[in-house]
Amino acid sequence: MQKGISKYKPFFGFILRFLGGYSFLVLLYRWYLSQYNTLQNEVDGITYTVSDWSIKILEWLGYPARMEAHETQSSMVFYFGEKAVVRMIEGCNAVSVVLLFVAFIVAFSGSFRRTFFYSVVGAGIILVLNIVRIVLITIGIYHFPQYEHILHEVIFPLMIYGVVLLLWVVWVNKYSYHAKNLT
């Protein structure tokens, strides 16, 4: 029995580090969100900033874009002219994806410096990609509203999670302590 458990010790260690790190990050994020009053339809600062950058890019691309706080929900509404196109909620800001990404990197750690640097750079890539994703979804839904479901629920989640998976593969194979054991 002891031999069987020790055989899987690295796996259980990874699972415990991942769950511990992810739980800690989620609790920290929930504490951050608790600073905002959703009963008064307040939008958290990260969601607002992601919305603002998305609108700026849409304007730069020539769309008559603007955003307004939703009247009855904690969200931002994107308008093209007077037409409401999409609604940006807290779940669209990619923080949950970043937390998952960072928890995995920490669980499959390398040196502290490499782990920290890769986590920060990877989180930045995910956040920028998410803004691009929001811009493309908004444009897509504006021009092709009949494809809203496939754009929002299939194509763009595949894009962002595909990049996260690629970042994880690069981390495990090039920078983690595990990478040294692969060669």
N, C-alpha and C. Protein backbone atom coordinates (compact mmCIF):
# COMPACT_ATOMS: atom_id res chain seq x y z
N MET A 1 0.83 -1.21 0.00
CA MET A 1 0.00 0.00 0.00
C MET A 1 0.86 1.25 0.00
N GLN A 2 1.87 1.29 0.89
CA GLN A 2 2.75 2.45 1.00
C GLN A 2 3.49 2.67 -0.31
N LYS A 3 3.91 1.59 -0.95
CA LYS A 3 4.64 1.68 -2.22
C LYS A 3 3.74 2.28 -3.30
N GLY A 4 2.46 1.89 -3.32
CA GLY A 4 1.51 2.42 -4.28
C GLY A 4 1.26 3.90 -4.11
N ILE A 5 1.16 4.34 -2.86
CA ILE A 5 0.94 5.76 -2.57
C ILE A 5 2.17 6.58 -2.96
N SER A 6 3.35 6.08 -2.62
CA SER A 6 4.56 6.85 -2.94
C SER A 6 4.78 6.94 -4.45
N LYS A 7 4.27 5.96 -5.17
CA LYS A 7 4.39 5.99 -6.63
C LYS A 7 3.63 7.19 -7.22
N TYR A 8 2.51 7.55 -6.60
CA TYR A 8 1.67 8.64 -7.10
C TYR A 8 1.85 9.94 -6.30
N LYS A 9 2.88 10.00 -5.48
CA LYS A 9 3.11 11.18 -4.64
C LYS A 9 3.22 12.46 -5.47
N PRO A 10 3.94 12.48 -6.59
CA PRO A 10 4.00 13.72 -7.38
C PRO A 10 2.63 14.17 -7.88
N PHE A 11 1.80 13.21 -8.27
CA PHE A 11 0.46 13.54 -8.75
C PHE A 11 -0.38 14.15 -7.64
N PHE A 12 -0.37 13.51 -6.46
CA PHE A 12 -1.14 14.04 -5.34
C PHE A 12 -0.61 15.39 -4.89
N GLY A 13 0.71 15.56 -4.94
CA GLY A 13 1.31 16.85 -4.60
C GLY A 13 0.84 17.95 -5.55
N PHE A 14 0.79 17.62 -6.84
CA PHE A 14 0.31 18.59 -7.82
C PHE A 14 -1.15 18.95 -7.54
N ILE A 15 -1.97 17.94 -7.30
CA ILE A 15 -3.40 18.18 -7.04
C ILE A 15 -3.58 19.06 -5.81
N LEU A 16 -2.85 18.77 -4.73
CA LEU A 16 -2.98 19.57 -3.51
C LEU A 16 -2.50 21.00 -3.72
N ARG A 17 -1.38 21.18 -4.42
CA ARG A 17 -0.87 22.54 -4.70
C ARG A 17 -1.85 23.30 -5.59
N PHE A 18 -2.39 22.62 -6.60
CA PHE A 18 -3.33 23.27 -7.50
C PHE A 18 -4.59 23.68 -6.76
N LEU A 19 -5.20 22.76 -6.03
CA LEU A 19 -6.44 23.07 -5.31
C LEU A 19 -6.22 24.13 -4.24
N GLY A 20 -5.11 24.04 -3.53
CA GLY A 20 -4.79 25.04 -2.51
C GLY A 20 -4.57 26.42 -3.12
N GLY A 21 -3.77 26.47 -4.17
CA GLY A 21 -3.51 27.75 -4.84
C GLY A 21 -4.75 28.34 -5.47
N TYR A 22 -5.53 27.50 -6.13
CA TYR A 22 -6.75 27.98 -6.78
C TYR A 22 -7.75 28.47 -5.74
N SER A 23 -7.91 27.71 -4.67
CA SER A 23 -8.85 28.12 -3.60
C SER A 23 -8.43 29.46 -3.00
N PHE A 24 -7.14 29.62 -2.75
CA PHE A 24 -6.64 30.89 -2.19
C PHE A 24 -6.92 32.04 -3.15
N LEU A 25 -6.62 31.87 -4.42
CA LEU A 25 -6.83 32.93 -5.41
C LEU A 25 -8.31 33.27 -5.56
N VAL A 26 -9.17 32.25 -5.55
CA VAL A 26 -10.61 32.49 -5.66
C VAL A 26 -11.13 33.25 -4.44
N LEU A 27 -10.68 32.87 -3.27
CA LEU A 27 -11.09 33.59 -2.05
C LEU A 27 -10.62 35.04 -2.09
N LEU A 28 -9.41 35.27 -2.56
CA LEU A 28 -8.88 36.63 -2.70
C LEU A 28 -9.72 37.44 -3.70
N TYR A 29 -10.07 36.82 -4.80
CA TYR A 29 -10.88 37.50 -5.82
C TYR A 29 -12.29 37.78 -5.29
N ARG A 30 -12.86 36.83 -4.58
CA ARG A 30 -14.20 37.04 -4.01
C ARG A 30 -14.17 38.17 -2.99
N TRP A 31 -13.09 38.27 -2.23
CA TRP A 31 -12.94 39.39 -1.29
C TRP A 31 -12.92 40.71 -2.07
N TYR A 32 -12.15 40.74 -3.18
CA TYR A 32 -12.10 41.94 -4.03
C TYR A 32 -13.50 42.29 -4.52
N LEU A 33 -14.24 41.30 -5.02
CA LEU A 33 -15.58 41.56 -5.55
C LEU A 33 -16.54 42.02 -4.45
N SER A 34 -16.32 41.58 -3.23
CA SER A 34 -17.23 41.97 -2.13
C SER A 34 -17.14 43.47 -1.83
N GLN A 35 -16.16 44.14 -2.36
CA GLN A 35 -16.02 45.58 -2.16
C GLN A 35 -17.04 46.37 -2.99
N TYR A 36 -17.72 45.68 -3.90
CA TYR A 36 -18.68 46.32 -4.80
C TYR A 36 -20.09 45.87 -4.44
N ASN A 37 -21.02 46.79 -4.49
CA ASN A 37 -22.41 46.52 -4.10
C ASN A 37 -23.23 46.14 -5.33
N THR A 38 -23.42 44.85 -5.53
CA THR A 38 -24.18 44.39 -6.70
C THR A 38 -25.67 44.73 -6.57
N LEU A 39 -26.14 44.92 -5.35
CA LEU A 39 -27.55 45.31 -5.16
C LEU A 39 -27.80 46.72 -5.70
N GLN A 40 -26.74 47.51 -5.78
CA GLN A 40 -26.85 48.85 -6.37
C GLN A 40 -26.27 48.87 -7.78
N ASN A 41 -26.09 47.67 -8.36
CA ASN A 41 -25.62 47.51 -9.74
C ASN A 41 -24.22 48.06 -9.99
N GLU A 42 -23.37 48.05 -8.96
CA GLU A 42 -21.99 48.49 -9.14
C GLU A 42 -21.22 47.46 -9.95
N VAL A 43 -20.38 47.95 -10.85
CA VAL A 43 -19.53 47.09 -11.67
C VAL A 43 -18.12 47.17 -11.08
N ASP A 44 -17.49 46.01 -10.89
CA ASP A 44 -16.14 46.01 -10.32
C ASP A 44 -15.15 46.69 -11.26
N GLY A 45 -14.05 47.14 -10.71
CA GLY A 45 -13.05 47.91 -11.45
C GLY A 45 -12.41 47.16 -12.60
N ILE A 46 -12.18 45.87 -12.43
CA ILE A 46 -11.55 45.10 -13.51
C ILE A 46 -12.51 44.98 -14.69
N THR A 47 -13.75 44.66 -14.42
CA THR A 47 -14.75 44.54 -15.49
C THR A 47 -14.92 45.88 -16.19
N TYR A 48 -14.95 46.96 -15.43
CA TYR A 48 -15.08 48.30 -16.02
C TYR A 48 -13.88 48.60 -16.93
N THR A 49 -12.67 48.28 -16.45
CA THR A 49 -11.47 48.56 -17.24
C THR A 49 -11.43 47.74 -18.52
N VAL A 50 -11.79 46.46 -18.44
CA VAL A 50 -11.83 45.61 -19.63
C VAL A 50 -12.87 46.15 -20.62
N SER A 51 -14.01 46.59 -20.10
CA SER A 51 -15.05 47.18 -20.96
C SER A 51 -14.52 48.45 -21.63
N ASP A 52 -13.89 49.29 -20.84
CA ASP A 52 -13.37 50.57 -21.36
C ASP A 52 -12.34 50.35 -22.47
N TRP A 53 -11.41 49.43 -22.24
CA TRP A 53 -10.40 49.15 -23.28
C TRP A 53 -11.05 48.56 -24.54
N SER A 54 -12.04 47.72 -24.35
CA SER A 54 -12.74 47.14 -25.50
C SER A 54 -13.42 48.23 -26.31
N ILE A 55 -14.08 49.16 -25.63
CA ILE A 55 -14.75 50.27 -26.32
C ILE A 55 -13.72 51.13 -27.06
N LYS A 56 -12.59 51.40 -26.43
CA LYS A 56 -11.55 52.22 -27.09
C LYS A 56 -11.06 51.57 -28.37
N ILE A 57 -10.89 50.25 -28.34
CA ILE A 57 -10.45 49.54 -29.55
C ILE A 57 -11.54 49.57 -30.62
N LEU A 58 -12.79 49.37 -30.20
CA LEU A 58 -13.90 49.45 -31.16
C LEU A 58 -13.97 50.83 -31.81
N GLU A 59 -13.79 51.88 -31.01
CA GLU A 59 -13.78 53.25 -31.56
C GLU A 59 -12.61 53.41 -32.53
N TRP A 60 -11.44 52.89 -32.15
CA TRP A 60 -10.26 52.99 -33.01
C TRP A 60 -10.50 52.27 -34.34
N LEU A 61 -11.27 51.19 -34.31
CA LEU A 61 -11.61 50.45 -35.52
C LEU A 61 -12.70 51.13 -36.34
N GLY A 62 -13.25 52.24 -35.83
CA GLY A 62 -14.23 53.00 -36.58
C GLY A 62 -15.68 52.74 -36.23
N TYR A 63 -15.93 51.95 -35.19
CA TYR A 63 -17.31 51.69 -34.78
C TYR A 63 -17.77 52.80 -33.85
N PRO A 64 -19.05 53.22 -33.98
CA PRO A 64 -19.57 54.28 -33.10
C PRO A 64 -19.91 53.70 -31.72
N ALA A 65 -18.89 53.23 -31.02
CA ALA A 65 -19.09 52.47 -29.79
C ALA A 65 -19.09 53.38 -28.56
N ARG A 66 -19.90 52.98 -27.62
CA ARG A 66 -19.91 53.61 -26.30
C ARG A 66 -20.43 52.58 -25.31
N MET A 67 -20.22 52.85 -24.03
CA MET A 67 -20.74 51.93 -23.02
C MET A 67 -21.46 52.72 -21.94
N GLU A 68 -22.41 52.05 -21.34
CA GLU A 68 -23.16 52.62 -20.22
C GLU A 68 -23.39 51.52 -19.20
N ALA A 69 -23.48 51.92 -17.95
CA ALA A 69 -23.83 50.95 -16.90
C ALA A 69 -25.27 50.50 -17.14
N HIS A 70 -25.49 49.21 -16.96
CA HIS A 70 -26.84 48.66 -17.08
C HIS A 70 -27.69 49.21 -15.95
N GLU A 71 -28.94 49.48 -16.23
CA GLU A 71 -29.82 50.10 -15.23
C GLU A 71 -30.22 49.17 -14.10
N THR A 72 -30.33 47.87 -14.38
CA THR A 72 -30.86 46.96 -13.36
C THR A 72 -29.92 45.80 -13.03
N GLN A 73 -28.71 45.79 -13.60
CA GLN A 73 -27.77 44.69 -13.37
C GLN A 73 -26.36 45.25 -13.20
N SER A 74 -25.48 44.48 -12.56
CA SER A 74 -24.07 44.85 -12.44
C SER A 74 -23.35 44.49 -13.73
N SER A 75 -23.51 45.32 -14.73
CA SER A 75 -22.89 45.06 -16.02
C SER A 75 -22.79 46.34 -16.82
N MET A 76 -22.00 46.25 -17.89
CA MET A 76 -21.87 47.37 -18.82
C MET A 76 -22.53 46.96 -20.14
N VAL A 77 -23.22 47.89 -20.76
CA VAL A 77 -23.86 47.63 -22.04
C VAL A 77 -23.07 48.36 -23.11
N PHE A 78 -22.71 47.65 -24.18
CA PHE A 78 -22.01 48.25 -25.31
C PHE A 78 -23.04 48.64 -26.36
N TYR A 79 -22.92 49.86 -26.82
CA TYR A 79 -23.82 50.39 -27.86
C TYR A 79 -23.01 50.73 -29.09
N PHE A 80 -23.62 50.52 -30.24
CA PHE A 80 -23.15 51.08 -31.50
C PHE A 80 -24.24 52.06 -31.90
N GLY A 81 -23.92 53.33 -31.79
CA GLY A 81 -24.97 54.33 -31.98
C GLY A 81 -25.96 54.18 -30.85
N GLU A 82 -27.22 53.99 -31.20
CA GLU A 82 -28.26 53.80 -30.18
C GLU A 82 -28.62 52.34 -29.98
N LYS A 83 -27.97 51.45 -30.73
CA LYS A 83 -28.30 50.03 -30.65
C LYS A 83 -27.44 49.32 -29.60
N ALA A 84 -28.08 48.72 -28.60
CA ALA A 84 -27.37 47.90 -27.62
C ALA A 84 -26.94 46.61 -28.32
N VAL A 85 -25.65 46.29 -28.23
CA VAL A 85 -25.13 45.13 -28.94
C VAL A 85 -24.82 43.98 -27.98
N VAL A 86 -24.06 44.25 -26.93
CA VAL A 86 -23.70 43.21 -25.98
C VAL A 86 -23.72 43.77 -24.56
N ARG A 87 -23.72 42.85 -23.62
CA ARG A 87 -23.66 43.20 -22.20
C ARG A 87 -22.43 42.54 -21.62
N MET A 88 -21.61 43.32 -20.94
CA MET A 88 -20.36 42.82 -20.34
C MET A 88 -20.58 42.64 -18.84
N ILE A 89 -20.48 41.39 -18.38
CA ILE A 89 -20.66 41.09 -16.96
C ILE A 89 -19.30 40.73 -16.34
N GLU A 90 -19.27 40.59 -15.05
CA GLU A 90 -18.02 40.26 -14.34
C GLU A 90 -17.39 38.98 -14.89
N GLY A 91 -18.17 38.00 -15.22
CA GLY A 91 -17.64 36.74 -15.74
C GLY A 91 -16.92 36.85 -17.08
N CYS A 92 -17.07 37.98 -17.75
CA CYS A 92 -16.43 38.19 -19.06
C CYS A 92 -15.05 38.82 -18.95
N ASN A 93 -14.61 39.15 -17.74
CA ASN A 93 -13.35 39.90 -17.62
C ASN A 93 -12.10 39.02 -17.63
N ALA A 94 -12.25 37.73 -17.70
CA ALA A 94 -11.17 36.72 -17.80
C ALA A 94 -10.41 36.49 -16.51
N VAL A 95 -10.82 37.09 -15.41
CA VAL A 95 -10.11 36.87 -14.16
C VAL A 95 -10.18 35.40 -13.74
N SER A 96 -11.32 34.77 -13.92
CA SER A 96 -11.43 33.36 -13.53
C SER A 96 -10.48 32.49 -14.36
N VAL A 97 -10.28 32.83 -15.62
CA VAL A 97 -9.35 32.10 -16.47
C VAL A 97 -7.91 32.33 -16.00
N VAL A 98 -7.60 33.57 -15.63
CA VAL A 98 -6.26 33.90 -15.13
C VAL A 98 -5.99 33.14 -13.83
N LEU A 99 -6.97 33.07 -12.93
CA LEU A 99 -6.77 32.36 -11.67
C LEU A 99 -6.49 30.88 -11.91
N LEU A 100 -7.22 30.27 -12.82
CA LEU A 100 -7.00 28.88 -13.19
C LEU A 100 -5.60 28.69 -13.77
N PHE A 101 -5.20 29.59 -14.66
CA PHE A 101 -3.88 29.55 -15.29
C PHE A 101 -2.78 29.64 -14.23
N VAL A 102 -2.87 30.63 -13.36
CA VAL A 102 -1.83 30.85 -12.35
C VAL A 102 -1.77 29.68 -11.37
N ALA A 103 -2.91 29.16 -10.96
CA ALA A 103 -2.92 28.02 -10.03
C ALA A 103 -2.19 26.82 -10.64
N PHE A 104 -2.38 26.59 -11.92
CA PHE A 104 -1.70 25.49 -12.59
C PHE A 104 -0.20 25.73 -12.64
N ILE A 105 0.21 26.95 -12.99
CA ILE A 105 1.63 27.28 -13.09
C ILE A 105 2.30 27.10 -11.72
N VAL A 106 1.65 27.57 -10.67
CA VAL A 106 2.20 27.44 -9.32
C VAL A 106 2.26 25.96 -8.92
N ALA A 107 1.24 25.19 -9.25
CA ALA A 107 1.21 23.77 -8.89
C ALA A 107 2.28 22.97 -9.62
N PHE A 108 2.63 23.41 -10.81
CA PHE A 108 3.66 22.76 -11.62
C PHE A 108 4.88 23.67 -11.64
N SER A 109 5.27 24.13 -10.47
CA SER A 109 6.21 25.25 -10.35
C SER A 109 7.59 24.96 -10.91
N GLY A 110 8.27 26.08 -11.14
CA GLY A 110 9.68 26.10 -11.45
C GLY A 110 10.32 26.93 -10.35
N SER A 111 11.41 27.60 -10.64
CA SER A 111 11.98 28.49 -9.63
C SER A 111 10.98 29.60 -9.34
N PHE A 112 11.12 30.21 -8.17
CA PHE A 112 10.18 31.28 -7.80
C PHE A 112 10.17 32.37 -8.87
N ARG A 113 11.34 32.78 -9.31
CA ARG A 113 11.45 33.87 -10.30
C ARG A 113 10.76 33.50 -11.61
N ARG A 114 11.06 32.31 -12.10
CA ARG A 114 10.44 31.87 -13.36
C ARG A 114 8.92 31.73 -13.21
N THR A 115 8.49 31.15 -12.10
CA THR A 115 7.07 30.94 -11.85
C THR A 115 6.34 32.28 -11.80
N PHE A 116 6.90 33.23 -11.06
CA PHE A 116 6.30 34.55 -10.94
C PHE A 116 6.26 35.26 -12.29
N PHE A 117 7.39 35.28 -13.00
CA PHE A 117 7.47 35.96 -14.29
C PHE A 117 6.51 35.34 -15.30
N TYR A 118 6.49 34.03 -15.40
CA TYR A 118 5.62 33.36 -16.37
C TYR A 118 4.15 33.58 -16.02
N SER A 119 3.84 33.57 -14.73
CA SER A 119 2.46 33.84 -14.30
C SER A 119 2.01 35.23 -14.70
N VAL A 120 2.87 36.21 -14.49
CA VAL A 120 2.53 37.60 -14.82
C VAL A 120 2.41 37.79 -16.34
N VAL A 121 3.38 37.28 -17.08
CA VAL A 121 3.34 37.41 -18.55
C VAL A 121 2.15 36.65 -19.12
N GLY A 122 1.92 35.43 -18.64
CA GLY A 122 0.79 34.64 -19.12
C GLY A 122 -0.54 35.31 -18.80
N ALA A 123 -0.68 35.85 -17.59
CA ALA A 123 -1.90 36.56 -17.22
C ALA A 123 -2.11 37.77 -18.13
N GLY A 124 -1.04 38.48 -18.44
CA GLY A 124 -1.14 39.62 -19.34
C GLY A 124 -1.60 39.20 -20.73
N ILE A 125 -1.04 38.11 -21.23
CA ILE A 125 -1.45 37.60 -22.55
C ILE A 125 -2.93 37.23 -22.54
N ILE A 126 -3.37 36.56 -21.49
CA ILE A 126 -4.78 36.15 -21.39
C ILE A 126 -5.68 37.38 -21.34
N LEU A 127 -5.31 38.38 -20.55
CA LEU A 127 -6.15 39.58 -20.43
C LEU A 127 -6.23 40.35 -21.74
N VAL A 128 -5.11 40.49 -22.44
CA VAL A 128 -5.11 41.18 -23.73
C VAL A 128 -5.92 40.39 -24.75
N LEU A 129 -5.71 39.08 -24.79
CA LEU A 129 -6.48 38.23 -25.69
C LEU A 129 -7.97 38.32 -25.40
N ASN A 130 -8.33 38.43 -24.13
CA ASN A 130 -9.73 38.55 -23.76
C ASN A 130 -10.34 39.84 -24.29
N ILE A 131 -9.60 40.92 -24.24
CA ILE A 131 -10.10 42.18 -24.79
C ILE A 131 -10.32 42.05 -26.29
N VAL A 132 -9.37 41.42 -26.97
CA VAL A 132 -9.53 41.16 -28.41
C VAL A 132 -10.75 40.29 -28.65
N ARG A 133 -10.92 39.29 -27.81
CA ARG A 133 -12.09 38.39 -27.91
C ARG A 133 -13.39 39.17 -27.76
N ILE A 134 -13.46 40.06 -26.79
CA ILE A 134 -14.67 40.86 -26.57
C ILE A 134 -14.95 41.76 -27.77
N VAL A 135 -13.90 42.38 -28.29
CA VAL A 135 -14.05 43.24 -29.47
C VAL A 135 -14.60 42.43 -30.64
N LEU A 136 -14.01 41.27 -30.88
CA LEU A 136 -14.45 40.44 -32.02
C LEU A 136 -15.87 39.89 -31.82
N ILE A 137 -16.19 39.50 -30.58
CA ILE A 137 -17.56 39.04 -30.31
C ILE A 137 -18.55 40.17 -30.56
N THR A 138 -18.23 41.36 -30.09
CA THR A 138 -19.12 42.52 -30.25
C THR A 138 -19.35 42.81 -31.73
N ILE A 139 -18.27 42.84 -32.50
CA ILE A 139 -18.38 43.10 -33.94
C ILE A 139 -19.18 41.96 -34.60
N GLY A 140 -18.85 40.72 -34.23
CA GLY A 140 -19.55 39.57 -34.81
C GLY A 140 -21.04 39.60 -34.53
N ILE A 141 -21.41 39.89 -33.28
CA ILE A 141 -22.83 39.91 -32.92
C ILE A 141 -23.54 41.09 -33.58
N TYR A 142 -22.84 42.19 -33.73
CA TYR A 142 -23.45 43.35 -34.40
C TYR A 142 -23.79 43.01 -35.85
N HIS A 143 -22.85 42.39 -36.55
CA HIS A 143 -23.04 42.07 -37.97
C HIS A 143 -23.84 40.78 -38.20
N PHE A 144 -23.70 39.83 -37.29
CA PHE A 144 -24.33 38.52 -37.46
C PHE A 144 -25.02 38.09 -36.17
N PRO A 145 -26.08 38.79 -35.76
CA PRO A 145 -26.73 38.47 -34.48
C PRO A 145 -27.26 37.03 -34.41
N GLN A 146 -27.55 36.43 -35.54
CA GLN A 146 -28.07 35.06 -35.55
C GLN A 146 -27.01 34.05 -35.09
N TYR A 147 -25.73 34.45 -35.09
CA TYR A 147 -24.65 33.55 -34.67
C TYR A 147 -24.13 33.86 -33.26
N GLU A 148 -24.91 34.61 -32.49
CA GLU A 148 -24.48 34.99 -31.15
C GLU A 148 -24.09 33.78 -30.30
N HIS A 149 -24.90 32.76 -30.31
CA HIS A 149 -24.62 31.57 -29.48
C HIS A 149 -23.29 30.93 -29.86
N ILE A 150 -23.09 30.67 -31.13
CA ILE A 150 -21.86 29.98 -31.55
C ILE A 150 -20.63 30.87 -31.33
N LEU A 151 -20.77 32.18 -31.52
CA LEU A 151 -19.65 33.09 -31.28
C LEU A 151 -19.28 33.12 -29.80
N HIS A 152 -20.28 33.32 -28.96
CA HIS A 152 -20.04 33.50 -27.53
C HIS A 152 -19.78 32.20 -26.79
N GLU A 153 -20.45 31.14 -27.17
CA GLU A 153 -20.38 29.89 -26.41
C GLU A 153 -19.40 28.86 -26.98
N VAL A 154 -18.99 29.01 -28.25
CA VAL A 154 -18.15 27.97 -28.85
C VAL A 154 -16.82 28.53 -29.36
N ILE A 155 -16.88 29.40 -30.36
CA ILE A 155 -15.66 29.83 -31.06
C ILE A 155 -14.71 30.58 -30.13
N PHE A 156 -15.19 31.60 -29.45
CA PHE A 156 -14.28 32.41 -28.65
C PHE A 156 -13.83 31.75 -27.36
N PRO A 157 -14.64 30.92 -26.69
CA PRO A 157 -14.08 30.15 -25.58
C PRO A 157 -12.97 29.19 -26.04
N LEU A 158 -13.16 28.58 -27.20
CA LEU A 158 -12.10 27.71 -27.73
C LEU A 158 -10.82 28.50 -27.94
N MET A 159 -10.95 29.73 -28.41
CA MET A 159 -9.78 30.57 -28.65
C MET A 159 -9.03 30.83 -27.34
N ILE A 160 -9.72 31.30 -26.33
CA ILE A 160 -9.03 31.68 -25.09
C ILE A 160 -8.52 30.46 -24.33
N TYR A 161 -9.32 29.39 -24.26
CA TYR A 161 -8.85 28.19 -23.56
C TYR A 161 -7.77 27.47 -24.35
N GLY A 162 -7.79 27.59 -25.66
CA GLY A 162 -6.71 27.02 -26.47
C GLY A 162 -5.39 27.70 -26.18
N VAL A 163 -5.40 29.01 -26.03
CA VAL A 163 -4.17 29.74 -25.70
C VAL A 163 -3.70 29.38 -24.30
N VAL A 164 -4.62 29.25 -23.35
CA VAL A 164 -4.25 28.84 -21.98
C VAL A 164 -3.59 27.46 -22.02
N LEU A 165 -4.18 26.54 -22.74
CA LEU A 165 -3.61 25.21 -22.86
C LEU A 165 -2.20 25.27 -23.47
N LEU A 166 -2.03 26.06 -24.50
CA LEU A 166 -0.71 26.22 -25.13
C LEU A 166 0.30 26.80 -24.14
N LEU A 167 -0.11 27.81 -23.38
CA LEU A 167 0.78 28.39 -22.36
C LEU A 167 1.16 27.35 -21.31
N TRP A 168 0.21 26.51 -20.91
CA TRP A 168 0.51 25.46 -19.93
C TRP A 168 1.51 24.46 -20.50
N VAL A 169 1.32 24.05 -21.75
CA VAL A 169 2.21 23.08 -22.38
C VAL A 169 3.63 23.64 -22.46
N VAL A 170 3.74 24.90 -22.87
CA VAL A 170 5.06 25.55 -22.93
C VAL A 170 5.69 25.57 -21.53
N TRP A 171 4.91 25.93 -20.52
CA TRP A 171 5.43 26.00 -19.15
C TRP A 171 5.95 24.63 -18.69
N VAL A 172 5.14 23.61 -18.84
CA VAL A 172 5.51 22.28 -18.35
C VAL A 172 6.75 21.77 -19.08
N ASN A 173 6.81 22.00 -20.39
CA ASN A 173 7.90 21.43 -21.18
C ASN A 173 9.17 22.26 -21.22
N LYS A 174 9.09 23.54 -20.87
CA LYS A 174 10.28 24.39 -20.97
C LYS A 174 10.76 24.99 -19.65
N TYR A 175 9.86 25.31 -18.74
CA TYR A 175 10.26 26.12 -17.59
C TYR A 175 10.04 25.50 -16.22
N SER A 176 9.14 24.55 -16.08
CA SER A 176 8.86 23.98 -14.76
C SER A 176 10.00 23.06 -14.34
N TYR A 177 10.03 22.69 -13.08
CA TYR A 177 11.02 21.70 -12.61
C TYR A 177 10.83 20.39 -13.34
N HIS A 178 9.60 20.09 -13.71
CA HIS A 178 9.29 18.86 -14.43
C HIS A 178 10.01 18.81 -15.79
N ALA A 179 10.20 19.96 -16.43
CA ALA A 179 10.85 20.01 -17.74
C ALA A 179 12.25 19.43 -17.68
N LYS A 180 12.94 19.64 -16.59
CA LYS A 180 14.30 19.10 -16.43
C LYS A 180 14.28 17.58 -16.38
N ASN A 181 13.19 17.01 -15.88
CA ASN A 181 13.07 15.55 -15.80
C ASN A 181 12.65 14.92 -17.12
N LEU A 182 12.20 15.74 -18.07
CA LEU A 182 11.77 15.21 -19.37
C LEU A 182 12.96 14.86 -20.26
N THR A 183 14.08 15.54 -20.05
CA THR A 183 15.23 15.34 -20.93
C THR A 183 16.13 14.23 -20.46
